C-alpha atoms as a PDB file:
ATOM      1  CA  LEU A   1     105.223  63.329  70.143  1.00  0.00           C
ATOM      2  CA  PHE A   2     104.482  66.424  72.306  1.00  0.00           C
ATOM      3  CA  SER A   3     103.375  68.717  69.324  1.00  0.00           C
ATOM      4  CA  LEU A   4     101.023  66.094  68.105  1.00  0.00           C
ATOM      5  CA  THR A   5      99.419  65.798  71.686  1.00  0.00           C
ATOM      6  CA  PHE A   6      99.226  69.429  71.951  1.00  0.00           C
ATOM      7  CA  LEU A   7      97.539  69.693  68.139  1.00  0.00           C
ATOM      8  CA  LEU A   8      94.923  67.070  69.155  1.00  0.00           C
ATOM      9  CA  TYR A   9      94.230  67.999  72.665  1.00  0.00           C
ATOM     10  CA  THR A  10      94.385  72.013  72.770  1.00  0.00           C
ATOM     11  CA  PRO A  11      90.563  72.351  72.687  1.00  0.00           C
ATOM     12  CA  ILE A  12      90.322  70.780  76.050  1.00  0.00           C
ATOM     13  CA  LEU A  13      91.900  73.872  77.413  1.00  0.00           C
ATOM     14  CA  GLY A  14      88.562  75.585  76.943  1.00  0.00           C
ATOM     15  CA  GLY A  15      86.541  73.355  79.199  1.00  0.00           C
ATOM     16  CA  GLY A  16      85.590  73.762  82.568  1.00  0.00           C
ATOM     17  CA  PHE A  17      85.009  71.363  85.783  1.00  0.00           C
ATOM     18  CA  LEU A  18      82.664  68.204  85.064  1.00  0.00           C
ATOM     19  CA  TRP A  19      80.889  65.718  87.255  1.00  0.00           C
ATOM     20  CA  ASP A  20      83.686  64.291  89.707  1.00  0.00           C
ATOM     21  CA  ASP A  21      85.892  67.468  89.271  1.00  0.00           C
ATOM     22  CA  LEU A  22      83.347  69.539  91.604  1.00  0.00           C
ATOM     23  CA  TYR A  23      84.353  67.053  94.481  1.00  0.00           C
ATOM     24  CA  LEU A  24      87.805  66.604  93.841  1.00  0.00           C
ATOM     25  CA  ILE A  25      88.679  70.111  92.999  1.00  0.00           C
ATOM     26  CA  ALA A  26      86.016  72.847  93.284  1.00  0.00           C
ATOM     27  CA  ARG A  27      84.703  71.728  96.603  1.00  0.00           C
ATOM     28  CA  ASN A  28      87.746  70.079  98.333  1.00  0.00           C
ATOM     29  CA  ARG A  29      89.223  72.008 101.078  1.00  0.00           C
ATOM     30  CA  TYR A  30      92.326  70.064 101.262  1.00  0.00           C
ATOM     31  CA  LEU A  31      93.411  72.055  98.236  1.00  0.00           C
ATOM     32  CA  GLU A  32      93.333  75.201 100.298  1.00  0.00           C
ATOM     33  CA  GLY A  33      97.210  74.848 101.229  1.00  0.00           C
ATOM     34  CA  TRP A  34     100.118  72.367 101.976  1.00  0.00           C
ATOM     35  CA  GLN A  35      98.933  72.260 105.762  1.00  0.00           C
ATOM     36  CA  PHE A  36      96.421  69.755 104.519  1.00  0.00           C
ATOM     37  CA  LEU A  37      99.025  67.085 103.177  1.00  0.00           C
ATOM     38  CA  PRO A  38      98.761  64.725 105.898  1.00  0.00           C
ATOM     39  CA  GLU A  39      94.646  64.701 105.455  1.00  0.00           C
ATOM     40  CA  ILE A  40      95.333  64.007 102.005  1.00  0.00           C
ATOM     41  CA  PHE A  41      97.353  60.791 102.664  1.00  0.00           C
ATOM     42  CA  GLN A  42      94.819  59.718 105.267  1.00  0.00           C
ATOM     43  CA  SER A  43      91.462  60.289 103.143  1.00  0.00           C
ATOM     44  CA  SER A  44      89.900  58.670 100.370  1.00  0.00           C
ATOM     45  CA  LEU A  45      89.924  60.202  97.035  1.00  0.00           C
ATOM     46  CA  TYR A  46      86.128  61.439  97.228  1.00  0.00           C
ATOM     47  CA  ALA A  47      86.255  62.674 100.966  1.00  0.00           C
ATOM     48  CA  PHE A  48      84.126  65.542 100.188  1.00  0.00           C
ATOM     49  CA  ALA A  49      81.544  63.875  98.141  1.00  0.00           C
ATOM     50  CA  LEU A  50      78.252  62.875  99.478  1.00  0.00           C
ATOM     51  CA  GLU A  51      79.238  59.187  99.194  1.00  0.00           C
ATOM     52  CA  PRO A  52      82.766  58.794  99.798  1.00  0.00           C
ATOM     53  CA  SER A  53      84.650  55.905  98.092  1.00  0.00           C
ATOM     54  CA  ASN A  54      87.194  53.461  98.925  1.00  0.00           C
ATOM     55  CA  TYR A  55      89.494  54.883  96.226  1.00  0.00           C
ATOM     56  CA  TYR A  56      93.008  55.705  97.673  1.00  0.00           C
ATOM     57  CA  ARG A  57      94.809  57.714  95.305  1.00  0.00           C
ATOM     58  CA  PRO A  58      96.558  60.535  97.266  1.00  0.00           C
ATOM     59  CA  LEU A  59      99.020  61.537  94.703  1.00  0.00           C
ATOM     60  CA  GLN A  60      96.228  62.328  92.356  1.00  0.00           C
ATOM     61  CA  THR A  61      95.054  65.028  95.080  1.00  0.00           C
ATOM     62  CA  VAL A  62      98.505  66.229  95.390  1.00  0.00           C
ATOM     63  CA  THR A  63      98.749  67.147  91.703  1.00  0.00           C
ATOM     64  CA  TYR A  64      95.498  69.196  92.307  1.00  0.00           C
ATOM     65  CA  LEU A  65      96.995  70.946  95.097  1.00  0.00           C
ATOM     66  CA  LEU A  66      99.859  72.031  93.009  1.00  0.00           C
ATOM     67  CA  ASP A  67      97.554  73.380  90.122  1.00  0.00           C
ATOM     68  CA  ARG A  68      95.659  75.266  92.779  1.00  0.00           C
ATOM     69  CA  ILE A  69      98.825  76.841  94.037  1.00  0.00           C
ATOM     70  CA  VAL A  70     100.103  77.579  90.295  1.00  0.00           C
ATOM     71  CA  PHE A  71      96.942  78.257  88.294  1.00  0.00           C
ATOM     72  CA  LYS A  72      94.392  79.381  90.963  1.00  0.00           C
ATOM     73  CA  ASP A  73      91.180  79.159  89.906  1.00  0.00           C
ATOM     74  CA  ALA A  74      92.082  78.923  85.984  1.00  0.00           C
ATOM     75  CA  VAL A  75      90.477  75.495  84.828  1.00  0.00           C
ATOM     76  CA  TRP A  76      92.499  75.640  81.715  1.00  0.00           C
ATOM     77  CA  GLY A  77      95.611  74.978  83.944  1.00  0.00           C
ATOM     78  CA  TYR A  78      94.326  71.758  85.217  1.00  0.00           C
ATOM     79  CA  HIS A  79      93.610  70.735  81.934  1.00  0.00           C
ATOM     80  CA  LEU A  80      97.124  71.708  80.881  1.00  0.00           C
ATOM     81  CA  THR A  81      98.563  69.316  83.546  1.00  0.00           C
ATOM     82  CA  ASN A  82      96.447  66.400  82.038  1.00  0.00           C
ATOM     83  CA  LEU A  83      97.590  67.324  78.660  1.00  0.00           C
ATOM     84  CA  LEU A  84     101.442  67.327  79.796  1.00  0.00           C
ATOM     85  CA  LEU A  85     100.963  64.047  81.639  1.00  0.00           C
ATOM     86  CA  HIS A  86      99.689  62.493  78.563  1.00  0.00           C
ATOM     87  CA  GLY A  87     102.599  63.782  76.373  1.00  0.00           C
ATOM     88  CA  ALA A  88     105.039  62.399  78.989  1.00  0.00           C
ATOM     89  CA  VAL A  89     103.371  59.034  78.868  1.00  0.00           C
ATOM     90  CA  GLY A  90     103.799  58.978  75.006  1.00  0.00           C
ATOM     91  CA  PHE A  91     107.493  59.897  75.338  1.00  0.00           C
ATOM     92  CA  LEU A  92     108.114  57.359  78.115  1.00  0.00           C
ATOM     93  CA  CYS A  93     106.527  54.898  75.751  1.00  0.00           C
ATOM     94  CA  TYR A  94     108.986  55.714  72.956  1.00  0.00           C
ATOM     95  CA  CYS A  95     111.823  55.470  75.536  1.00  0.00           C
ATOM     96  CA  PHE A  96     110.691  52.053  76.749  1.00  0.00           C
ATOM     97  CA  ALA A  97     110.274  50.794  73.261  1.00  0.00           C
ATOM     98  CA  ARG A  98     113.840  51.996  72.402  1.00  0.00           C
ATOM     99  CA  ARG A  99     114.908  50.064  75.550  1.00  0.00           C
ATOM    100  CA  LEU A 100     113.336  46.694  74.076  1.00  0.00           C
ATOM    101  CA  ARG A 101     115.690  47.376  71.210  1.00  0.00           C
ATOM    102  CA  PHE A 102     112.973  48.415  68.724  1.00  0.00           C
ATOM    103  CA  GLY A 103     114.136  50.705  65.834  1.00  0.00           C
ATOM    104  CA  GLY A 104     113.847  54.464  66.296  1.00  0.00           C
ATOM    105  CA  LYS A 105     110.775  54.475  63.634  1.00  0.00           C
ATOM    106  CA  ALA A 106     109.041  51.570  65.133  1.00  0.00           C
ATOM    107  CA  SER A 107     109.234  53.051  68.437  1.00  0.00           C
ATOM    108  CA  PHE A 108     108.113  56.495  67.402  1.00  0.00           C
ATOM    109  CA  TRP A 109     105.038  54.922  65.561  1.00  0.00           C
ATOM    110  CA  VAL A 110     104.177  52.776  68.872  1.00  0.00           C
ATOM    111  CA  ALA A 111     104.261  55.789  70.762  1.00  0.00           C
ATOM    112  CA  LEU A 112     102.321  57.607  68.419  1.00  0.00           C
ATOM    113  CA  PHE A 113      99.805  55.155  68.011  1.00  0.00           C
ATOM    114  CA  PHE A 114      99.224  55.263  71.848  1.00  0.00           C
ATOM    115  CA  THR A 115      99.491  58.975  72.100  1.00  0.00           C
ATOM    116  CA  ILE A 116      96.705  59.746  69.511  1.00  0.00           C
ATOM    117  CA  HIS A 117      94.481  56.722  70.058  1.00  0.00           C
ATOM    118  CA  PRO A 118      90.850  57.927  71.031  1.00  0.00           C
ATOM    119  CA  VAL A 119      90.495  55.518  73.886  1.00  0.00           C
ATOM    120  CA  HIS A 120      92.803  57.944  76.055  1.00  0.00           C
ATOM    121  CA  THR A 121      90.258  60.973  75.211  1.00  0.00           C
ATOM    122  CA  GLU A 122      88.488  60.676  78.843  1.00  0.00           C
ATOM    123  CA  ALA A 123      91.894  60.274  80.698  1.00  0.00           C
ATOM    124  CA  VAL A 124      93.327  63.594  78.870  1.00  0.00           C
ATOM    125  CA  GLY A 125      90.169  65.722  78.489  1.00  0.00           C
ATOM    126  CA  TYR A 126      88.433  65.021  81.982  1.00  0.00           C
ATOM    127  CA  ILE A 127      90.355  66.322  84.707  1.00  0.00           C
ATOM    128  CA  ALA A 128      89.213  63.543  87.283  1.00  0.00           C
ATOM    129  CA  GLY A 129      90.721  61.088  84.752  1.00  0.00           C
ATOM    130  CA  ARG A 130      94.230  62.205  85.593  1.00  0.00           C
ATOM    131  CA  ALA A 131      94.960  59.206  87.728  1.00  0.00           C
ATOM    132  CA  ASP A 132      95.117  56.934  84.351  1.00  0.00           C
ATOM    133  CA  SER A 133      98.009  59.297  82.961  1.00  0.00           C
ATOM    134  CA  LEU A 134      99.908  59.772  86.314  1.00  0.00           C
ATOM    135  CA  SER A 135      99.799  55.968  87.359  1.00  0.00           C
ATOM    136  CA  ALA A 136     101.153  55.365  83.635  1.00  0.00           C
ATOM    137  CA  VAL A 137     104.002  57.705  83.968  1.00  0.00           C
ATOM    138  CA  PHE A 138     105.328  56.014  87.074  1.00  0.00           C
ATOM    139  CA  ILE A 139     104.833  52.603  85.771  1.00  0.00           C
ATOM    140  CA  LEU A 140     106.832  53.204  82.615  1.00  0.00           C
ATOM    141  CA  THR A 141     109.303  55.055  84.864  1.00  0.00           C
ATOM    142  CA  SER A 142     109.661  51.915  87.003  1.00  0.00           C
ATOM    143  CA  LEU A 143     109.930  49.520  83.953  1.00  0.00           C
ATOM    144  CA  LEU A 144     112.622  51.776  82.529  1.00  0.00           C
ATOM    145  CA  CYS A 145     114.588  51.886  85.783  1.00  0.00           C
ATOM    146  CA  PHE A 146     114.473  48.413  86.198  1.00  0.00           C
ATOM    147  CA  HIS A 147     115.341  47.441  82.747  1.00  0.00           C
ATOM    148  CA  CYS A 148     118.404  49.780  83.053  1.00  0.00           C
ATOM    149  CA  TYR A 149     119.154  48.137  86.386  1.00  0.00           C
ATOM    150  CA  LEU A 150     119.183  44.773  84.281  1.00  0.00           C
ATOM    151  CA  GLU A 151     122.009  46.168  82.094  1.00  0.00           C
ATOM    152  CA  LYS A 152     124.021  48.105  84.472  1.00  0.00           C
ATOM    153  CA  THR A 153     123.280  46.199  88.058  1.00  0.00           C
ATOM    154  CA  SER A 154     123.313  49.755  89.549  1.00  0.00           C
ATOM    155  CA  PHE A 155     121.324  49.428  93.149  1.00  0.00           C
ATOM    156  CA  GLY A 156     120.303  53.016  92.678  1.00  0.00           C
ATOM    157  CA  LEU A 157     118.260  52.401  89.667  1.00  0.00           C
ATOM    158  CA  TYR A 158     116.676  49.355  91.426  1.00  0.00           C
ATOM    159  CA  LEU A 159     115.561  51.788  94.276  1.00  0.00           C
ATOM    160  CA  ALA A 160     114.185  54.214  91.513  1.00  0.00           C
ATOM    161  CA  SER A 161     112.260  51.476  90.047  1.00  0.00           C
ATOM    162  CA  PHE A 162     110.831  50.424  93.613  1.00  0.00           C
ATOM    163  CA  GLY A 163     110.184  53.956  94.378  1.00  0.00           C
ATOM    164  CA  ALA A 164     108.327  54.748  91.100  1.00  0.00           C
ATOM    165  CA  PHE A 165     106.324  51.488  91.535  1.00  0.00           C
ATOM    166  CA  LEU A 166     105.236  53.054  95.148  1.00  0.00           C
ATOM    167  CA  LEU A 167     104.239  56.313  93.419  1.00  0.00           C
ATOM    168  CA  ALA A 168     102.304  54.518  90.913  1.00  0.00           C
ATOM    169  CA  LEU A 169     100.337  52.788  93.650  1.00  0.00           C
ATOM    170  CA  LEU A 170      99.464  55.922  95.189  1.00  0.00           C
ATOM    171  CA  SER A 171      98.325  57.400  91.899  1.00  0.00           C
ATOM    172  CA  LYS A 172      95.814  54.303  91.071  1.00  0.00           C
ATOM    173  CA  GLU A 173      95.227  50.845  91.994  1.00  0.00           C
ATOM    174  CA  ILE A 174      95.894  49.350  88.477  1.00  0.00           C
ATOM    175  CA  ALA A 175      99.718  49.773  89.347  1.00  0.00           C
ATOM    176  CA  VAL A 176      99.168  46.407  91.325  1.00  0.00           C
ATOM    177  CA  VAL A 177      99.986  44.814  87.724  1.00  0.00           C
ATOM    178  CA  LEU A 178     103.457  46.092  87.428  1.00  0.00           C
ATOM    179  CA  PRO A 179     105.150  42.804  89.081  1.00  0.00           C
ATOM    180  CA  ILE A 180     103.527  40.921  86.291  1.00  0.00           C
ATOM    181  CA  LEU A 181     104.845  43.346  83.849  1.00  0.00           C
ATOM    182  CA  LEU A 182     108.308  42.975  85.438  1.00  0.00           C
ATOM    183  CA  LEU A 183     107.954  39.347  85.444  1.00  0.00           C
ATOM    184  CA  LEU A 184     107.450  39.689  81.666  1.00  0.00           C
ATOM    185  CA  LEU A 185     110.186  41.892  81.138  1.00  0.00           C
ATOM    186  CA  LEU A 186     112.725  39.520  82.771  1.00  0.00           C
ATOM    187  CA  TRP A 187     111.206  36.680  80.411  1.00  0.00           C
ATOM    188  CA  TYR A 188     111.753  38.969  77.448  1.00  0.00           C
ATOM    189  CA  GLU A 189     115.460  39.668  78.469  1.00  0.00           C
ATOM    190  CA  GLY A 190     116.064  35.782  79.329  1.00  0.00           C
ATOM    191  CA  ARG A 191     116.617  36.573  83.130  1.00  0.00           C
ATOM    192  CA  LYS A 192     114.017  34.101  84.302  1.00  0.00           C
ATOM    193  CA  ARG A 193     116.389  32.440  87.044  1.00  0.00           C
ATOM    194  CA  GLU A 194     116.534  35.831  88.662  1.00  0.00           C
ATOM    195  CA  ARG A 195     112.852  36.631  89.075  1.00  0.00           C
ATOM    196  CA  ALA A 196     112.483  35.578  92.856  1.00  0.00           C
ATOM    197  CA  LYS A 197     115.177  37.597  93.898  1.00  0.00           C
ATOM    198  CA  LEU A 198     114.413  40.811  91.962  1.00  0.00           C
ATOM    199  CA  LEU A 199     110.682  40.675  92.396  1.00  0.00           C
ATOM    200  CA  PHE A 200     110.229  39.580  95.892  1.00  0.00           C
ATOM    201  CA  PRO A 201     110.413  43.450  97.143  1.00  0.00           C
ATOM    202  CA  PHE A 202     107.515  44.387  94.614  1.00  0.00           C
END
């Protein structure tokens, strides 16, 4: 899955900053060092745009800060992070399909279909679209930990699921759908009677 992801998306490594990337990365002084971490969590995503938005996605900005520290001004590094995140989502799709008792080949084809589908081109090729892949990583991680908890009843797994949910919310607003997904997971596993107790914290 990772090999195919790289094969398909390697051309993006030669791209530059586009549109919102200028506000989120090139002109974002919060990326100058860790001392701005409190400001990142107190500001909107477009704090340096002419018209700041109401988007609250601090974890997305933190990933840009990490990119700046590792790759400096090399734009290909930011694209590489997007590519790696998309590959991770594909791998987690495979793992989740296996948890749902799909066969190995079926799980692979499901994950492959997700990974190569052109609808994800913007999320991978456009640096500002990173929030989609980032939130998907944490949503799928939360689902996996929750499903493992149902099997092993380990409170640590339950906490990990809830923690991943919080990280998903800090990545993109779409993560609010996770409790519904968990409800469907409980229904799928025939654990409907436990839904109030297990889903209340979420």
